[in-house]
Amino acid sequence: LDGGGPIDGSDGCVSDPIGAMVVHGVSDGI
């Protein structure tokens, strides 16, 4: 919910798929 990043230690990301839902406001740094 209205989240971006990055977070310390989160450089790089696995390629494994994962279910994901992203909720974001169009006036909140879309």
Full PDB file with SEQRES, HELIX, SHEET, SSBOND, CRYST1, ORIGX, SCALE, CONECT and MASTER records, all heavy atoms in Angstrom:
SEQRES   1 A   30  LEU ASP GLY GLY GLY PRO ILE ASP GLY SER ASP GLY CYS          
SEQRES   2 A   30  VAL SER ASP PRO ILE GLY ALA MET VAL VAL HIS GLY VAL          
SEQRES   3 A   30  SER ASP GLY ILE                                              
CRYST1    1.000    1.000    1.000  90.00  90.00  90.00 P 1           1          
ORIGX1      1.000000  0.000000  0.000000        0.00000                         
ORIGX2      0.000000  1.000000  0.000000        0.00000                         
ORIGX3      0.000000  0.000000  1.000000        0.00000                         
SCALE1      1.000000  0.000000  0.000000        0.00000                         
SCALE2      0.000000  1.000000  0.000000        0.00000                         
SCALE3      0.000000  0.000000  1.000000        0.00000                         
ATOM      1  N   LEU A   1       0.843  -1.184   0.000  1.00  0.00           N  
ATOM      2  CA  LEU A   1       0.000   0.000   0.000  1.00  0.00           C  
ATOM      3  C   LEU A   1       0.882   1.240   0.000  1.00  0.00           C  
ATOM      4  O   LEU A   1       1.561   1.532   0.984  1.00  0.00           O  
ATOM      5  CB  LEU A   1      -0.903   0.016   1.245  1.00  0.00           C  
ATOM      6  CG  LEU A   1      -1.711  -1.245   1.546  1.00  0.00           C  
ATOM      7  CD1 LEU A   1      -2.530  -1.049   2.827  1.00  0.00           C  
ATOM      8  CD2 LEU A   1      -2.618  -1.611   0.382  1.00  0.00           C  
ATOM      9  N   ASP A   2       0.916   1.947  -1.105  1.00  0.00           N  
ATOM     10  CA  ASP A   2       1.683   3.192  -1.209  1.00  0.00           C  
ATOM     11  C   ASP A   2       3.116   3.026  -0.731  1.00  0.00           C  
ATOM     12  O   ASP A   2       3.636   3.840   0.027  1.00  0.00           O  
ATOM     13  CB  ASP A   2       0.999   4.307  -0.405  1.00  0.00           C  
ATOM     14  CG  ASP A   2      -0.326   4.721  -1.015  1.00  0.00           C  
ATOM     15  OD1 ASP A   2      -0.359   4.997  -2.223  1.00  0.00           O  
ATOM     16  OD2 ASP A   2      -1.331   4.761  -0.287  1.00  0.00           O  
ATOM     17  N   GLY A   3       3.762   1.962  -1.164  1.00  0.00           N  
ATOM     18  CA  GLY A   3       5.150   1.702  -0.768  1.00  0.00           C  
ATOM     19  C   GLY A   3       6.068   1.707  -1.965  1.00  0.00           C  
ATOM     20  O   GLY A   3       5.673   1.362  -3.076  1.00  0.00           O  
ATOM     21  N   GLY A   4       7.311   2.110  -1.747  1.00  0.00           N  
ATOM     22  CA  GLY A   4       8.293   2.124  -2.829  1.00  0.00           C  
ATOM     23  C   GLY A   4       9.555   1.394  -2.434  1.00  0.00           C  
ATOM     24  O   GLY A   4       9.641   0.193  -2.464  1.00  0.00           O  
ATOM     25  N   GLY A   5      10.545   2.131  -1.976  1.00  0.00           N  
ATOM     26  CA  GLY A   5      11.837   1.558  -1.606  1.00  0.00           C  
ATOM     27  C   GLY A   5      12.932   2.504  -2.054  1.00  0.00           C  
ATOM     28  O   GLY A   5      12.658   3.623  -2.491  1.00  0.00           O  
ATOM     29  N   PRO A   6      14.191   2.107  -1.921  1.00  0.00           N  
ATOM     30  CA  PRO A   6      14.645   0.800  -1.420  1.00  0.00           C  
ATOM     31  C   PRO A   6      14.801   0.775   0.093  1.00  0.00           C  
ATOM     32  O   PRO A   6      14.702   1.801   0.763  1.00  0.00           O  
ATOM     33  CB  PRO A   6      16.005   0.658  -2.103  1.00  0.00           C  
ATOM     34  CG  PRO A   6      16.514   2.080  -2.171  1.00  0.00           C  
ATOM     35  CD  PRO A   6      15.294   2.931  -2.424  1.00  0.00           C  
ATOM     36  N   ILE A   7      15.049  -0.408   0.619  1.00  0.00           N  
ATOM     37  CA  ILE A   7      15.333  -0.653   2.020  1.00  0.00           C  
ATOM     38  C   ILE A   7      16.764  -1.171   2.116  1.00  0.00           C  
ATOM     39  O   ILE A   7      17.230  -1.895   1.235  1.00  0.00           O  
ATOM     40  CB  ILE A   7      14.351  -1.696   2.606  1.00  0.00           C  
ATOM     41  CG1 ILE A   7      12.921  -1.146   2.608  1.00  0.00           C  
ATOM     42  CG2 ILE A   7      14.760  -2.137   3.998  1.00  0.00           C  
ATOM     43  CD1 ILE A   7      12.673  -0.038   3.608  1.00  0.00           C  
ATOM     44  N   ASP A   8      17.477  -0.826   3.186  1.00  0.00           N  
ATOM     45  CA  ASP A   8      18.842  -1.326   3.356  1.00  0.00           C  
ATOM     46  C   ASP A   8      18.871  -2.835   3.223  1.00  0.00           C  
ATOM     47  O   ASP A   8      18.062  -3.541   3.818  1.00  0.00           O  
ATOM     48  CB  ASP A   8      19.390  -0.939   4.731  1.00  0.00           C  
ATOM     49  CG  ASP A   8      19.680   0.554   4.846  1.00  0.00           C  
ATOM     50  OD1 ASP A   8      19.636   1.238   3.805  1.00  0.00           O  
ATOM     51  OD2 ASP A   8      19.941   1.021   5.961  1.00  0.00           O  
ATOM     52  N   GLY A   9      19.826  -3.326   2.434  1.00  0.00           N  
ATOM     53  CA  GLY A   9      19.976  -4.766   2.266  1.00  0.00           C  
ATOM     54  C   GLY A   9      19.055  -5.364   1.237  1.00  0.00           C  
ATOM     55  O   GLY A   9      19.019  -6.585   1.082  1.00  0.00           O  
ATOM     56  N   SER A  10      18.313  -4.527   0.495  1.00  0.00           N  
ATOM     57  CA  SER A  10      17.355  -5.068  -0.469  1.00  0.00           C  
ATOM     58  C   SER A  10      17.857  -4.992  -1.908  1.00  0.00           C  
ATOM     59  O   SER A  10      17.103  -5.220  -2.838  1.00  0.00           O  
ATOM     60  CB  SER A  10      16.019  -4.319  -0.368  1.00  0.00           C  
ATOM     61  OG  SER A  10      16.164  -2.965  -0.753  1.00  0.00           O  
ATOM     62  N   ASP A  11      19.149  -4.654  -2.097  1.00  0.00           N  
ATOM     63  CA  ASP A  11      19.694  -4.615  -3.447  1.00  0.00           C  
ATOM     64  C   ASP A  11      19.598  -5.993  -4.083  1.00  0.00           C  
ATOM     65  O   ASP A  11      19.911  -7.015  -3.472  1.00  0.00           O  
ATOM     66  CB  ASP A  11      21.156  -4.176  -3.426  1.00  0.00           C  
ATOM     67  CG  ASP A  11      21.320  -2.720  -2.979  1.00  0.00           C  
ATOM     68  OD1 ASP A  11      20.319  -1.988  -3.045  1.00  0.00           O  
ATOM     69  OD2 ASP A  11      22.423  -2.351  -2.565  1.00  0.00           O  
ATOM     70  N   GLY A  12      19.157  -6.022  -5.317  1.00  0.00           N  
ATOM     71  CA  GLY A  12      19.009  -7.293  -6.005  1.00  0.00           C  
ATOM     72  C   GLY A  12      17.729  -7.981  -5.605  1.00  0.00           C  
ATOM     73  O   GLY A  12      17.235  -7.825  -4.496  1.00  0.00           O  
ATOM     74  N   CYS A  13      17.181  -8.758  -6.523  1.00  0.00           N  
ATOM     75  CA  CYS A  13      15.912  -9.426  -6.250  1.00  0.00           C  
ATOM     76  C   CYS A  13      15.896 -10.757  -6.975  1.00  0.00           C  
ATOM     77  O   CYS A  13      16.361 -10.852  -8.113  1.00  0.00           O  
ATOM     78  CB  CYS A  13      14.751  -8.552  -6.718  1.00  0.00           C  
ATOM     79  SG  CYS A  13      13.131  -9.106  -6.160  1.00  0.00           S  
ATOM     80  N   VAL A  14      15.379 -11.777  -6.302  1.00  0.00           N  
ATOM     81  CA  VAL A  14      15.286 -13.080  -6.938  1.00  0.00           C  
ATOM     82  C   VAL A  14      14.312 -13.003  -8.111  1.00  0.00           C  
ATOM     83  O   VAL A  14      13.474 -12.107  -8.190  1.00  0.00           O  
ATOM     84  CB  VAL A  14      14.809 -14.147  -5.936  1.00  0.00           C  
ATOM     85  CG1 VAL A  14      15.801 -14.308  -4.808  1.00  0.00           C  
ATOM     86  CG2 VAL A  14      13.432 -13.811  -5.397  1.00  0.00           C  
ATOM     87  N   SER A  15      14.416 -13.951  -8.994  1.00  0.00           N  
ATOM     88  CA  SER A  15      13.522 -13.977 -10.160  1.00  0.00           C  
ATOM     89  C   SER A  15      12.310 -14.859  -9.937  1.00  0.00           C  
ATOM     90  O   SER A  15      11.443 -14.930 -10.801  1.00  0.00           O  
ATOM     91  CB  SER A  15      14.296 -14.464 -11.394  1.00  0.00           C  
ATOM     92  OG  SER A  15      14.831 -15.756 -11.179  1.00  0.00           O  
ATOM     93  N   ASP A  16      12.250 -15.544  -8.783  1.00  0.00           N  
ATOM     94  CA  ASP A  16      11.099 -16.408  -8.502  1.00  0.00           C  
ATOM     95  C   ASP A  16       9.814 -15.588  -8.532  1.00  0.00           C  
ATOM     96  O   ASP A  16       9.764 -14.483  -7.984  1.00  0.00           O  
ATOM     97  CB  ASP A  16      11.228 -17.056  -7.127  1.00  0.00           C  
ATOM     98  CG  ASP A  16      12.381 -18.036  -7.044  1.00  0.00           C  
ATOM     99  OD1 ASP A  16      12.841 -18.486  -8.095  1.00  0.00           O  
ATOM    100  OD2 ASP A  16      12.806 -18.342  -5.913  1.00  0.00           O  
ATOM    101  N   PRO A  17       8.752 -16.121  -9.107  1.00  0.00           N  
ATOM    102  CA  PRO A  17       7.475 -15.397  -9.098  1.00  0.00           C  
ATOM    103  C   PRO A  17       6.863 -15.383  -7.710  1.00  0.00           C  
ATOM    104  O   PRO A  17       7.152 -16.246  -6.874  1.00  0.00           O  
ATOM    105  CB  PRO A  17       6.616 -16.194 -10.079  1.00  0.00           C  
ATOM    106  CG  PRO A  17       7.168 -17.582  -9.999  1.00  0.00           C  
ATOM    107  CD  PRO A  17       8.652 -17.422  -9.807  1.00  0.00           C  
ATOM    108  N   ILE A  18       6.012 -14.408  -7.467  1.00  0.00           N  
ATOM    109  CA  ILE A  18       5.312 -14.290  -6.195  1.00  0.00           C  
ATOM    110  C   ILE A  18       4.018 -13.520  -6.444  1.00  0.00           C  
ATOM    111  O   ILE A  18       3.994 -12.558  -7.220  1.00  0.00           O  
ATOM    112  CB  ILE A  18       6.185 -13.567  -5.144  1.00  0.00           C  
ATOM    113  CG1 ILE A  18       5.510 -13.571  -3.758  1.00  0.00           C  
ATOM    114  CG2 ILE A  18       6.545 -12.162  -5.580  1.00  0.00           C  
ATOM    115  CD1 ILE A  18       6.418 -13.075  -2.634  1.00  0.00           C  
ATOM    116  N   GLY A  19       2.934 -13.950  -5.831  1.00  0.00           N  
ATOM    117  CA  GLY A  19       1.691 -13.209  -5.978  1.00  0.00           C  
ATOM    118  C   GLY A  19       1.852 -11.801  -5.425  1.00  0.00           C  
ATOM    119  O   GLY A  19       2.454 -11.625  -4.364  1.00  0.00           O  
ATOM    120  N   ALA A  20       1.330 -10.811  -6.122  1.00  0.00           N  
ATOM    121  CA  ALA A  20       1.547  -9.434  -5.688  1.00  0.00           C  
ATOM    122  C   ALA A  20       0.348  -8.547  -6.002  1.00  0.00           C  
ATOM    123  O   ALA A  20      -0.262  -8.653  -7.067  1.00  0.00           O  
ATOM    124  CB  ALA A  20       2.790  -8.852  -6.359  1.00  0.00           C  
ATOM    125  N   MET A  21       0.047  -7.681  -5.048  1.00  0.00           N  
ATOM    126  CA  MET A  21      -0.984  -6.663  -5.212  1.00  0.00           C  
ATOM    127  C   MET A  21      -0.388  -5.325  -4.817  1.00  0.00           C  
ATOM    128  O   MET A  21       0.183  -5.184  -3.728  1.00  0.00           O  
ATOM    129  CB  MET A  21      -2.193  -6.984  -4.339  1.00  0.00           C  
ATOM    130  CG  MET A  21      -3.297  -5.943  -4.407  1.00  0.00           C  
ATOM    131  SD  MET A  21      -4.725  -6.447  -3.387  1.00  0.00           S  
ATOM    132  CE  MET A  21      -5.853  -5.080  -3.701  1.00  0.00           C  
ATOM    133  N   VAL A  22      -0.503  -4.351  -5.689  1.00  0.00           N  
ATOM    134  CA  VAL A  22       0.037  -3.010  -5.452  1.00  0.00           C  
ATOM    135  C   VAL A  22      -1.116  -2.016  -5.488  1.00  0.00           C  
ATOM    136  O   VAL A  22      -1.870  -1.968  -6.461  1.00  0.00           O  
ATOM    137  CB  VAL A  22       1.098  -2.631  -6.512  1.00  0.00           C  
ATOM    138  CG1 VAL A  22       1.598  -1.213  -6.289  1.00  0.00           C  
ATOM    139  CG2 VAL A  22       2.262  -3.626  -6.481  1.00  0.00           C  
ATOM    140  N   VAL A  23      -1.257  -1.243  -4.411  1.00  0.00           N  
ATOM    141  CA  VAL A  23      -2.289  -0.208  -4.320  1.00  0.00           C  
ATOM    142  C   VAL A  23      -1.580   1.136  -4.213  1.00  0.00           C  
ATOM    143  O   VAL A  23      -0.728   1.319  -3.333  1.00  0.00           O  
ATOM    144  CB  VAL A  23      -3.200  -0.430  -3.094  1.00  0.00           C  
ATOM    145  CG1 VAL A  23      -4.294   0.625  -3.043  1.00  0.00           C  
ATOM    146  CG2 VAL A  23      -3.796  -1.834  -3.107  1.00  0.00           C  
ATOM    147  N   HIS A  24      -1.922   2.079  -5.103  1.00  0.00           N  
ATOM    148  CA  HIS A  24      -1.180   3.336  -5.127  1.00  0.00           C  
ATOM    149  C   HIS A  24      -2.074   4.491  -5.567  1.00  0.00           C  
ATOM    150  O   HIS A  24      -2.878   4.343  -6.485  1.00  0.00           O  
ATOM    151  CB  HIS A  24       0.015   3.229  -6.081  1.00  0.00           C  
ATOM    152  CG  HIS A  24       1.190   4.049  -5.668  1.00  0.00           C  
ATOM    153  ND1 HIS A  24       2.140   3.603  -4.774  1.00  0.00           N  
ATOM    154  CD2 HIS A  24       1.570   5.303  -6.004  1.00  0.00           C  
ATOM    155  CE1 HIS A  24       3.055   4.527  -4.589  1.00  0.00           C  
ATOM    156  NE2 HIS A  24       2.733   5.578  -5.332  1.00  0.00           N  
ATOM    157  N   GLY A  25      -1.918   5.628  -4.910  1.00  0.00           N  
ATOM    158  CA  GLY A  25      -2.637   6.836  -5.282  1.00  0.00           C  
ATOM    159  C   GLY A  25      -1.959   7.561  -6.429  1.00  0.00           C  
ATOM    160  O   GLY A  25      -0.737   7.694  -6.447  1.00  0.00           O  
ATOM    161  N   VAL A  26      -2.744   8.053  -7.374  1.00  0.00           N  
ATOM    162  CA  VAL A  26      -2.162   8.688  -8.564  1.00  0.00           C  
ATOM    163  C   VAL A  26      -1.504  10.024  -8.243  1.00  0.00           C  
ATOM    164  O   VAL A  26      -0.749  10.554  -9.058  1.00  0.00           O  
ATOM    165  CB  VAL A  26      -3.216   8.870  -9.673  1.00  0.00           C  
ATOM    166  CG1 VAL A  26      -3.755   7.526 -10.126  1.00  0.00           C  
ATOM    167  CG2 VAL A  26      -4.350   9.782  -9.220  1.00  0.00           C  
ATOM    168  N   SER A  27      -1.764  10.574  -7.068  1.00  0.00           N  
ATOM    169  CA  SER A  27      -1.120  11.822  -6.659  1.00  0.00           C  
ATOM    170  C   SER A  27      -0.067  11.582  -5.582  1.00  0.00           C  
ATOM    171  O   SER A  27       0.353  12.501  -4.887  1.00  0.00           O  
ATOM    172  CB  SER A  27      -2.165  12.824  -6.146  1.00  0.00           C  
ATOM    173  OG  SER A  27      -3.079  13.177  -7.166  1.00  0.00           O  
ATOM    174  N   ASP A  28       0.372  10.344  -5.457  1.00  0.00           N  
ATOM    175  CA  ASP A  28       1.362   9.973  -4.447  1.00  0.00           C  
ATOM    176  C   ASP A  28       2.615   9.435  -5.120  1.00  0.00           C  
ATOM    177  O   ASP A  28       2.953   8.265  -4.988  1.00  0.00           O  
ATOM    178  CB  ASP A  28       0.773   8.926  -3.498  1.00  0.00           C  
ATOM    179  CG  ASP A  28       1.746   8.532  -2.391  1.00  0.00           C  
ATOM    180  OD1 ASP A  28       2.645   9.320  -2.083  1.00  0.00           O  
ATOM    181  OD2 ASP A  28       1.601   7.434  -1.860  1.00  0.00           O  
ATOM    182  N   GLY A  29       3.332  10.307  -5.850  1.00  0.00           N  
ATOM    183  CA  GLY A  29       4.559   9.868  -6.505  1.00  0.00           C  
ATOM    184  C   GLY A  29       4.323   8.609  -7.315  1.00  0.00           C  
ATOM    185  O   GLY A  29       4.923   7.570  -7.075  1.00  0.00           O  
ATOM    186  N   ILE A  30       3.421   8.699  -8.284  1.00  0.00           N  
ATOM    187  CA  ILE A  30       2.944   7.524  -9.000  1.00  0.00           C  
ATOM    188  C   ILE A  30       4.070   6.731  -9.648  1.00  0.00           C  
ATOM    189  O   ILE A  30       3.956   5.526  -9.855  1.00  0.00           O  
ATOM    190  CB  ILE A  30       1.891   7.934 -10.063  1.00  0.00           C  
ATOM    191  CG1 ILE A  30       1.172   6.699 -10.644  1.00  0.00           C  
ATOM    192  CG2 ILE A  30       2.523   8.773 -11.152  1.00  0.00           C  
ATOM    193  CD1 ILE A  30       0.380   5.930  -9.635  1.00  0.00           C  
TER     194      ILE A  30                                                      
MASTER        0    0    0    0    0    0    0    6  193    1    0    3          
END                                                                             
